[in-house]
Amino acid sequence: MDLGFFRRAEALLAGHSAAGLDFGVLVAGLRLQQVASAAAQAQAIGEALPCPEDPLAELLSGGPAWRQAAAALRGSFNPALARKGAVN
């Protein structure tokens, strides 16, 4: 097996040292991991935006609060039934 490729790479990189750790990049990576954790996502559910004024319009338009609108409608496209808490 020809290992010339690896020998050439070792020769090129022999004089180089590893890059130093950048504190900003380390902190950003840690925050990214924390935000992606299951605990952070569960906590974000409690901090949800309030329900929009017209949940049906928000849901159909695909606005930023469509999840809250779907929860407010409780599975019904009839706002009167959704307010009563009835299920279709």
PDB file of N, CA and C in Angstrom:
ATOM      1  N   MET A   1       0.848  -1.171   0.000  1.00  0.00           N
ATOM      2  CA  MET A   1       0.000   0.000   0.000  1.00  0.00           C
ATOM      3  C   MET A   1       0.901   1.244   0.000  1.00  0.00           C
ATOM      4  N   ASP A   2       0.551   2.205  -0.814  1.00  0.00           N
ATOM      5  CA  ASP A   2       1.345   3.423  -0.931  1.00  0.00           C
ATOM      6  C   ASP A   2       0.906   4.421   0.140  1.00  0.00           C
ATOM      7  N   LEU A   3       1.792   4.757   1.060  1.00  0.00           N
ATOM      8  CA  LEU A   3       1.497   5.712   2.128  1.00  0.00           C
ATOM      9  C   LEU A   3       2.132   7.073   1.851  1.00  0.00           C
ATOM     10  N   GLY A   4       2.520   7.283   0.597  1.00  0.00           N
ATOM     11  CA  GLY A   4       3.165   8.538   0.231  1.00  0.00           C
ATOM     12  C   GLY A   4       2.280   9.749   0.487  1.00  0.00           C
ATOM     13  N   PHE A   5       1.000   9.569   0.293  1.00  0.00           N
ATOM     14  CA  PHE A   5       0.061  10.679   0.530  1.00  0.00           C
ATOM     15  C   PHE A   5       0.125  11.140   1.985  1.00  0.00           C
ATOM     16  N   PHE A   6       0.134  10.178   2.907  1.00  0.00           N
ATOM     17  CA  PHE A   6       0.175  10.522   4.321  1.00  0.00           C
ATOM     18  C   PHE A   6       1.526  11.115   4.717  1.00  0.00           C
ATOM     19  N   ARG A   7       2.597  10.597   4.118  1.00  0.00           N
ATOM     20  CA  ARG A   7       3.928  11.142   4.413  1.00  0.00           C
ATOM     21  C   ARG A   7       4.045  12.589   3.945  1.00  0.00           C
ATOM     22  N   ARG A   8       3.508  12.868   2.768  1.00  0.00           N
ATOM     23  CA  ARG A   8       3.542  14.252   2.268  1.00  0.00           C
ATOM     24  C   ARG A   8       2.723  15.169   3.179  1.00  0.00           C
ATOM     25  N   ALA A   9       1.563  14.705   3.640  1.00  0.00           N
ATOM     26  CA  ALA A   9       0.719  15.515   4.529  1.00  0.00           C
ATOM     27  C   ALA A   9       1.432  15.767   5.855  1.00  0.00           C
ATOM     28  N   GLU A  10       2.102  14.752   6.392  1.00  0.00           N
ATOM     29  CA  GLU A  10       2.843  14.936   7.637  1.00  0.00           C
ATOM     30  C   GLU A  10       3.975  15.929   7.452  1.00  0.00           C
ATOM     31  N   ALA A  11       4.628  15.885   6.314  1.00  0.00           N
ATOM     32  CA  ALA A  11       5.729  16.805   6.051  1.00  0.00           C
ATOM     33  C   ALA A  11       5.222  18.241   5.933  1.00  0.00           C
ATOM     34  N   LEU A  12       4.079  18.413   5.305  1.00  0.00           N
ATOM     35  CA  LEU A  12       3.518  19.756   5.158  1.00  0.00           C
ATOM     36  C   LEU A  12       3.059  20.335   6.492  1.00  0.00           C
ATOM     37  N   LEU A  13       2.498  19.487   7.347  1.00  0.00           N
ATOM     38  CA  LEU A  13       1.913  19.961   8.608  1.00  0.00           C
ATOM     39  C   LEU A  13       2.872  19.860   9.786  1.00  0.00           C
ATOM     40  N   ALA A  14       4.106  19.446   9.559  1.00  0.00           N
ATOM     41  CA  ALA A  14       5.051  19.237  10.655  1.00  0.00           C
ATOM     42  C   ALA A  14       5.352  20.536  11.405  1.00  0.00           C
ATOM     43  N   GLY A  15       5.423  21.639  10.712  1.00  0.00           N
ATOM     44  CA  GLY A  15       5.772  22.907  11.352  1.00  0.00           C
ATOM     45  C   GLY A  15       4.587  23.660  11.939  1.00  0.00           C
ATOM     46  N   HIS A  16       3.390  23.155  11.757  1.00  0.00           N
ATOM     47  CA  HIS A  16       2.187  23.845  12.217  1.00  0.00           C
ATOM     48  C   HIS A  16       1.753  23.323  13.583  1.00  0.00           C
ATOM     49  N   SER A  17       1.242  24.214  14.382  1.00  0.00           N
ATOM     50  CA  SER A  17       0.685  23.795  15.669  1.00  0.00           C
ATOM     51  C   SER A  17      -0.841  23.948  15.612  1.00  0.00           C
ATOM     52  N   ALA A  18      -1.513  23.323  16.547  1.00  0.00           N
ATOM     53  CA  ALA A  18      -2.973  23.395  16.587  1.00  0.00           C
ATOM     54  C   ALA A  18      -3.415  24.816  16.909  1.00  0.00           C
ATOM     55  N   ALA A  19      -4.537  25.200  16.374  1.00  0.00           N
ATOM     56  CA  ALA A  19      -5.072  26.534  16.633  1.00  0.00           C
ATOM     57  C   ALA A  19      -5.488  26.640  18.091  1.00  0.00           C
ATOM     58  N   GLY A  20      -5.302  27.821  18.669  1.00  0.00           N
ATOM     59  CA  GLY A  20      -5.690  28.057  20.052  1.00  0.00           C
ATOM     60  C   GLY A  20      -7.202  28.100  20.190  1.00  0.00           C
ATOM     61  N   LEU A  21      -7.678  27.822  21.393  1.00  0.00           N
ATOM     62  CA  LEU A  21      -9.110  27.808  21.646  1.00  0.00           C
ATOM     63  C   LEU A  21      -9.638  29.239  21.703  1.00  0.00           C
ATOM     64  N   ASP A  22     -10.654  29.519  20.932  1.00  0.00           N
ATOM     65  CA  ASP A  22     -11.273  30.837  20.912  1.00  0.00           C
ATOM     66  C   ASP A  22     -12.420  30.833  21.927  1.00  0.00           C
ATOM     67  N   PHE A  23     -12.366  31.693  22.926  1.00  0.00           N
ATOM     68  CA  PHE A  23     -13.345  31.702  23.998  1.00  0.00           C
ATOM     69  C   PHE A  23     -14.753  31.989  23.472  1.00  0.00           C
ATOM     70  N   GLY A  24     -14.891  32.906  22.547  1.00  0.00           N
ATOM     71  CA  GLY A  24     -16.198  33.241  21.987  1.00  0.00           C
ATOM     72  C   GLY A  24     -16.834  32.063  21.273  1.00  0.00           C
ATOM     73  N   VAL A  25     -16.034  31.330  20.515  1.00  0.00           N
ATOM     74  CA  VAL A  25     -16.543  30.162  19.805  1.00  0.00           C
ATOM     75  C   VAL A  25     -16.938  29.073  20.798  1.00  0.00           C
ATOM     76  N   LEU A  26     -16.141  28.906  21.862  1.00  0.00           N
ATOM     77  CA  LEU A  26     -16.466  27.916  22.883  1.00  0.00           C
ATOM     78  C   LEU A  26     -17.793  28.239  23.566  1.00  0.00           C
ATOM     79  N   VAL A  27     -17.988  29.498  23.956  1.00  0.00           N
ATOM     80  CA  VAL A  27     -19.229  29.905  24.628  1.00  0.00           C
ATOM     81  C   VAL A  27     -20.420  29.745  23.692  1.00  0.00           C
ATOM     82  N   ALA A  28     -20.265  30.128  22.428  1.00  0.00           N
ATOM     83  CA  ALA A  28     -21.362  29.987  21.462  1.00  0.00           C
ATOM     84  C   ALA A  28     -21.728  28.517  21.268  1.00  0.00           C
ATOM     85  N   GLY A  29     -20.733  27.648  21.202  1.00  0.00           N
ATOM     86  CA  GLY A  29     -21.008  26.223  21.063  1.00  0.00           C
ATOM     87  C   GLY A  29     -21.725  25.646  22.275  1.00  0.00           C
ATOM     88  N   LEU A  30     -21.313  26.068  23.466  1.00  0.00           N
ATOM     89  CA  LEU A  30     -21.982  25.603  24.681  1.00  0.00           C
ATOM     90  C   LEU A  30     -23.427  26.085  24.742  1.00  0.00           C
ATOM     91  N   ARG A  31     -23.662  27.338  24.372  1.00  0.00           N
ATOM     92  CA  ARG A  31     -25.042  27.858  24.368  1.00  0.00           C
ATOM     93  C   ARG A  31     -25.898  27.113  23.360  1.00  0.00           C
ATOM     94  N   LEU A  32     -25.326  26.789  22.221  1.00  0.00           N
ATOM     95  CA  LEU A  32     -26.068  26.049  21.203  1.00  0.00           C
ATOM     96  C   LEU A  32     -26.480  24.684  21.732  1.00  0.00           C
ATOM     97  N   GLN A  33     -25.571  24.008  22.422  1.00  0.00           N
ATOM     98  CA  GLN A  33     -25.887  22.701  22.996  1.00  0.00           C
ATOM     99  C   GLN A  33     -26.957  22.817  24.084  1.00  0.00           C
ATOM    100  N   GLN A  34     -26.884  23.883  24.884  1.00  0.00           N
ATOM    101  CA  GLN A  34     -27.874  24.067  25.937  1.00  0.00           C
ATOM    102  C   GLN A  34     -29.253  24.349  25.371  1.00  0.00           C
ATOM    103  N   VAL A  35     -29.337  25.149  24.329  1.00  0.00           N
ATOM    104  CA  VAL A  35     -30.623  25.478  23.710  1.00  0.00           C
ATOM    105  C   VAL A  35     -31.236  24.243  23.066  1.00  0.00           C
ATOM    106  N   ALA A  36     -30.397  23.370  22.530  1.00  0.00           N
ATOM    107  CA  ALA A  36     -30.895  22.174  21.853  1.00  0.00           C
ATOM    108  C   ALA A  36     -31.274  21.064  22.831  1.00  0.00           C
ATOM    109  N   SER A  37     -30.987  21.237  24.109  1.00  0.00           N
ATOM    110  CA  SER A  37     -31.272  20.171  25.069  1.00  0.00           C
ATOM    111  C   SER A  37     -32.776  20.032  25.293  1.00  0.00           C
ATOM    112  N   ALA A  38     -33.174  18.859  25.737  1.00  0.00           N
ATOM    113  CA  ALA A  38     -34.592  18.590  25.993  1.00  0.00           C
ATOM    114  C   ALA A  38     -35.129  19.461  27.123  1.00  0.00           C
ATOM    115  N   ALA A  39     -34.298  19.733  28.115  1.00  0.00           N
ATOM    116  CA  ALA A  39     -34.740  20.564  29.243  1.00  0.00           C
ATOM    117  C   ALA A  39     -35.041  21.986  28.791  1.00  0.00           C
ATOM    118  N   ALA A  40     -34.204  22.536  27.919  1.00  0.00           N
ATOM    119  CA  ALA A  40     -34.435  23.899  27.434  1.00  0.00           C
ATOM    120  C   ALA A  40     -35.680  23.964  26.560  1.00  0.00           C
ATOM    121  N   GLN A  41     -35.919  22.936  25.770  1.00  0.00           N
ATOM    122  CA  GLN A  41     -37.116  22.925  24.927  1.00  0.00           C
ATOM    123  C   GLN A  41     -38.376  22.797  25.769  1.00  0.00           C
ATOM    124  N   ALA A  42     -38.314  22.005  26.838  1.00  0.00           N
ATOM    125  CA  ALA A  42     -39.475  21.883  27.723  1.00  0.00           C
ATOM    126  C   ALA A  42     -39.747  23.188  28.456  1.00  0.00           C
ATOM    127  N   GLN A  43     -38.698  23.887  28.821  1.00  0.00           N
ATOM    128  CA  GLN A  43     -38.872  25.170  29.500  1.00  0.00           C
ATOM    129  C   GLN A  43     -39.448  26.210  28.547  1.00  0.00           C
ATOM    130  N   ALA A  44     -39.083  26.145  27.276  1.00  0.00           N
ATOM    131  CA  ALA A  44     -39.572  27.111  26.293  1.00  0.00           C
ATOM    132  C   ALA A  44     -41.067  26.962  26.054  1.00  0.00           C
ATOM    133  N   ILE A  45     -41.629  25.786  26.304  1.00  0.00           N
ATOM    134  CA  ILE A  45     -43.068  25.587  26.112  1.00  0.00           C
ATOM    135  C   ILE A  45     -43.850  26.484  27.058  1.00  0.00           C
ATOM    136  N   GLY A  46     -43.383  26.618  28.288  1.00  0.00           N
ATOM    137  CA  GLY A  46     -44.058  27.474  29.265  1.00  0.00           C
ATOM    138  C   GLY A  46     -43.924  28.949  28.953  1.00  0.00           C
ATOM    139  N   GLU A  47     -42.959  29.306  28.129  1.00  0.00           N
ATOM    140  CA  GLU A  47     -42.721  30.705  27.780  1.00  0.00           C
ATOM    141  C   GLU A  47     -43.300  31.040  26.408  1.00  0.00           C
ATOM    142  N   ALA A  48     -44.323  30.318  25.992  1.00  0.00           N
ATOM    143  CA  ALA A  48     -44.893  30.502  24.656  1.00  0.00           C
ATOM    144  C   ALA A  48     -45.563  31.871  24.538  1.00  0.00           C
ATOM    145  N   LEU A  49     -45.643  32.320  23.321  1.00  0.00           N
ATOM    146  CA  LEU A  49     -46.308  33.592  23.043  1.00  0.00           C
ATOM    147  C   LEU A  49     -47.795  33.486  23.347  1.00  0.00           C
ATOM    148  N   PRO A  50     -48.439  34.580  23.712  1.00  0.00           N
ATOM    149  CA  PRO A  50     -49.886  34.515  23.929  1.00  0.00           C
ATOM    150  C   PRO A  50     -50.606  34.207  22.620  1.00  0.00           C
ATOM    151  N   CYS A  51     -51.792  33.672  22.748  1.00  0.00           N
ATOM    152  CA  CYS A  51     -52.569  33.289  21.575  1.00  0.00           C
ATOM    153  C   CYS A  51     -52.923  34.532  20.751  1.00  0.00           C
ATOM    154  N   PRO A  52     -52.865  34.443  19.437  1.00  0.00           N
ATOM    155  CA  PRO A  52     -53.223  35.591  18.602  1.00  0.00           C
ATOM    156  C   PRO A  52     -54.708  35.925  18.732  1.00  0.00           C
ATOM    157  N   GLU A  53     -55.056  37.130  18.282  1.00  0.00           N
ATOM    158  CA  GLU A  53     -56.431  37.615  18.396  1.00  0.00           C
ATOM    159  C   GLU A  53     -57.410  36.754  17.603  1.00  0.00           C
ATOM    160  N   ASP A  54     -57.027  36.366  16.387  1.00  0.00           N
ATOM    161  CA  ASP A  54     -57.878  35.507  15.561  1.00  0.00           C
ATOM    162  C   ASP A  54     -57.097  34.221  15.266  1.00  0.00           C
ATOM    163  N   PRO A  55     -57.291  33.183  16.089  1.00  0.00           N
ATOM    164  CA  PRO A  55     -56.477  31.981  15.918  1.00  0.00           C
ATOM    165  C   PRO A  55     -56.668  31.287  14.580  1.00  0.00           C
ATOM    166  N   LEU A  56     -57.875  31.313  14.035  1.00  0.00           N
ATOM    167  CA  LEU A  56     -58.116  30.650  12.753  1.00  0.00           C
ATOM    168  C   LEU A  56     -57.321  31.327  11.637  1.00  0.00           C
ATOM    169  N   ALA A  57     -57.340  32.651  11.615  1.00  0.00           N
ATOM    170  CA  ALA A  57     -56.590  33.381  10.591  1.00  0.00           C
ATOM    171  C   ALA A  57     -55.092  33.148  10.758  1.00  0.00           C
ATOM    172  N   GLU A  58     -54.631  33.113  11.996  1.00  0.00           N
ATOM    173  CA  GLU A  58     -53.206  32.871  12.254  1.00  0.00           C
ATOM    174  C   GLU A  58     -52.802  31.474  11.797  1.00  0.00           C
ATOM    175  N   LEU A  59     -53.650  30.504  12.055  1.00  0.00           N
ATOM    176  CA  LEU A  59     -53.350  29.129  11.668  1.00  0.00           C
ATOM    177  C   LEU A  59     -53.331  28.973  10.152  1.00  0.00           C
ATOM    178  N   LEU A  60     -54.331  29.529   9.474  1.00  0.00           N
ATOM    179  CA  LEU A  60     -54.424  29.383   8.024  1.00  0.00           C
ATOM    180  C   LEU A  60     -53.357  30.179   7.279  1.00  0.00           C
ATOM    181  N   SER A  61     -52.929  31.302   7.852  1.00  0.00           N
ATOM    182  CA  SER A  61     -51.899  32.106   7.192  1.00  0.00           C
ATOM    183  C   SER A  61     -50.497  31.585   7.487  1.00  0.00           C
ATOM    184  N   GLY A  62     -50.384  30.700   8.481  1.00  0.00           N
ATOM    185  CA  GLY A  62     -49.064  30.164   8.820  1.00  0.00           C
ATOM    186  C   GLY A  62     -48.184  31.193   9.481  1.00  0.00           C
ATOM    187  N   GLY A  63     -48.783  32.062  10.277  1.00  0.00           N
ATOM    188  CA  GLY A  63     -48.031  33.103  10.966  1.00  0.00           C
ATOM    189  C   GLY A  63     -47.104  32.545  12.030  1.00  0.00           C
ATOM    190  N   PRO A  64     -46.350  33.405  12.687  1.00  0.00           N
ATOM    191  CA  PRO A  64     -45.364  32.935  13.663  1.00  0.00           C
ATOM    192  C   PRO A  64     -45.974  32.265  14.892  1.00  0.00           C
ATOM    193  N   ALA A  65     -47.224  32.535  15.206  1.00  0.00           N
ATOM    194  CA  ALA A  65     -47.858  31.954  16.398  1.00  0.00           C
ATOM    195  C   ALA A  65     -48.868  30.878  16.022  1.00  0.00           C
ATOM    196  N   TRP A  66     -48.605  30.135  14.941  1.00  0.00           N
ATOM    197  CA  TRP A  66     -49.586  29.139  14.485  1.00  0.00           C
ATOM    198  C   TRP A  66     -49.728  27.989  15.476  1.00  0.00           C
ATOM    199  N   ARG A  67     -48.681  27.665  16.208  1.00  0.00           N
ATOM    200  CA  ARG A  67     -48.795  26.576  17.191  1.00  0.00           C
ATOM    201  C   ARG A  67     -49.731  26.967  18.327  1.00  0.00           C
ATOM    202  N   GLN A  68     -49.615  28.194  18.803  1.00  0.00           N
ATOM    203  CA  GLN A  68     -50.505  28.671  19.856  1.00  0.00           C
ATOM    204  C   GLN A  68     -51.935  28.742  19.341  1.00  0.00           C
ATOM    205  N   ALA A  69     -52.094  29.134  18.073  1.00  0.00           N
ATOM    206  CA  ALA A  69     -53.434  29.212  17.483  1.00  0.00           C
ATOM    207  C   ALA A  69     -54.059  27.824  17.385  1.00  0.00           C
ATOM    208  N   ALA A  70     -53.281  26.836  16.999  1.00  0.00           N
ATOM    209  CA  ALA A  70     -53.811  25.470  16.907  1.00  0.00           C
ATOM    210  C   ALA A  70     -54.225  24.958  18.281  1.00  0.00           C
ATOM    211  N   ALA A  71     -53.453  25.299  19.302  1.00  0.00           N
ATOM    212  CA  ALA A  71     -53.815  24.882  20.659  1.00  0.00           C
ATOM    213  C   ALA A  71     -55.079  25.598  21.122  1.00  0.00           C
ATOM    214  N   ALA A  72     -55.234  26.860  20.752  1.00  0.00           N
ATOM    215  CA  ALA A  72     -56.409  27.628  21.167  1.00  0.00           C
ATOM    216  C   ALA A  72     -57.675  27.116  20.477  1.00  0.00           C
ATOM    217  N   LEU A  73     -57.552  26.627  19.253  1.00  0.00           N
ATOM    218  CA  LEU A  73     -58.718  26.123  18.524  1.00  0.00           C
ATOM    219  C   LEU A  73     -59.147  24.745  19.023  1.00  0.00           C
ATOM    220  N   ARG A  74     -58.291  24.052  19.716  1.00  0.00           N
ATOM    221  CA  ARG A  74     -58.590  22.735  20.298  1.00  0.00           C
ATOM    222  C   ARG A  74     -59.138  21.754  19.272  1.00  0.00           C
ATOM    223  N   GLY A  75     -58.568  21.756  18.080  1.00  0.00           N
ATOM    224  CA  GLY A  75     -58.964  20.790  17.060  1.00  0.00           C
ATOM    225  C   GLY A  75     -60.211  21.136  16.290  1.00  0.00           C
ATOM    226  N   SER A  76     -60.776  22.331  16.496  1.00  0.00           N
ATOM    227  CA  SER A  76     -62.007  22.701  15.818  1.00  0.00           C
ATOM    228  C   SER A  76     -61.786  23.977  15.019  1.00  0.00           C
ATOM    229  N   PHE A  77     -62.317  24.008  13.790  1.00  0.00           N
ATOM    230  CA  PHE A  77     -62.239  25.228  12.997  1.00  0.00           C
ATOM    231  C   PHE A  77     -63.377  26.185  13.327  1.00  0.00           C
ATOM    232  N   ASN A  78     -64.283  25.784  14.192  1.00  0.00           N
ATOM    233  CA  ASN A  78     -65.379  26.646  14.619  1.00  0.00           C
ATOM    234  C   ASN A  78     -64.966  27.332  15.918  1.00  0.00           C
ATOM    235  N   PRO A  79     -64.715  28.651  15.893  1.00  0.00           N
ATOM    236  CA  PRO A  79     -64.239  29.339  17.095  1.00  0.00           C
ATOM    237  C   PRO A  79     -65.199  29.240  18.274  1.00  0.00           C
ATOM    238  N   ALA A  80     -66.510  29.191  18.004  1.00  0.00           N
ATOM    239  CA  ALA A  80     -67.476  29.092  19.097  1.00  0.00           C
ATOM    240  C   ALA A  80     -67.326  27.756  19.826  1.00  0.00           C
ATOM    241  N   LEU A  81     -67.148  26.675  19.068  1.00  0.00           N
ATOM    242  CA  LEU A  81     -66.953  25.367  19.682  1.00  0.00           C
ATOM    243  C   LEU A  81     -65.611  25.300  20.421  1.00  0.00           C
ATOM    244  N   ALA A  82     -64.618  25.959  19.878  1.00  0.00           N
ATOM    245  CA  ALA A  82     -63.308  25.949  20.521  1.00  0.00           C
ATOM    246  C   ALA A  82     -63.363  26.668  21.869  1.00  0.00           C
ATOM    247  N   ARG A  83     -64.137  27.761  21.927  1.00  0.00           N
ATOM    248  CA  ARG A  83     -64.268  28.493  23.199  1.00  0.00           C
ATOM    249  C   ARG A  83     -65.001  27.655  24.230  1.00  0.00           C
ATOM    250  N   LYS A  84     -65.981  26.874  23.784  1.00  0.00           N
ATOM    251  CA  LYS A  84     -66.738  26.020  24.704  1.00  0.00           C
ATOM    252  C   LYS A  84     -65.903  24.822  25.182  1.00  0.00           C
ATOM    253  N   GLY A  85     -64.886  24.475  24.410  1.00  0.00           N
ATOM    254  CA  GLY A  85     -64.073  23.336  24.750  1.00  0.00           C
ATOM    255  C   GLY A  85     -64.596  22.032  24.184  1.00  0.00           C
ATOM    256  N   ALA A  86     -65.556  22.120  23.255  1.00  0.00           N
ATOM    257  CA  ALA A  86     -66.113  20.911  22.638  1.00  0.00           C
ATOM    258  C   ALA A  86     -65.135  20.351  21.640  1.00  0.00           C
ATOM    259  N   VAL A  87     -65.224  19.062  21.416  1.00  0.00           N
ATOM    260  CA  VAL A  87     -64.363  18.384  20.451  1.00  0.00           C
ATOM    261  C   VAL A  87     -65.236  17.883  19.317  1.00  0.00           C
ATOM    262  N   ASN A  88     -64.738  18.020  18.084  1.00  0.00           N
ATOM    263  CA  ASN A  88     -65.497  17.552  16.916  1.00  0.00           C
ATOM    264  C   ASN A  88     -65.669  16.063  16.946  1.00  0.00           C
TER     265      ASN A  88
END
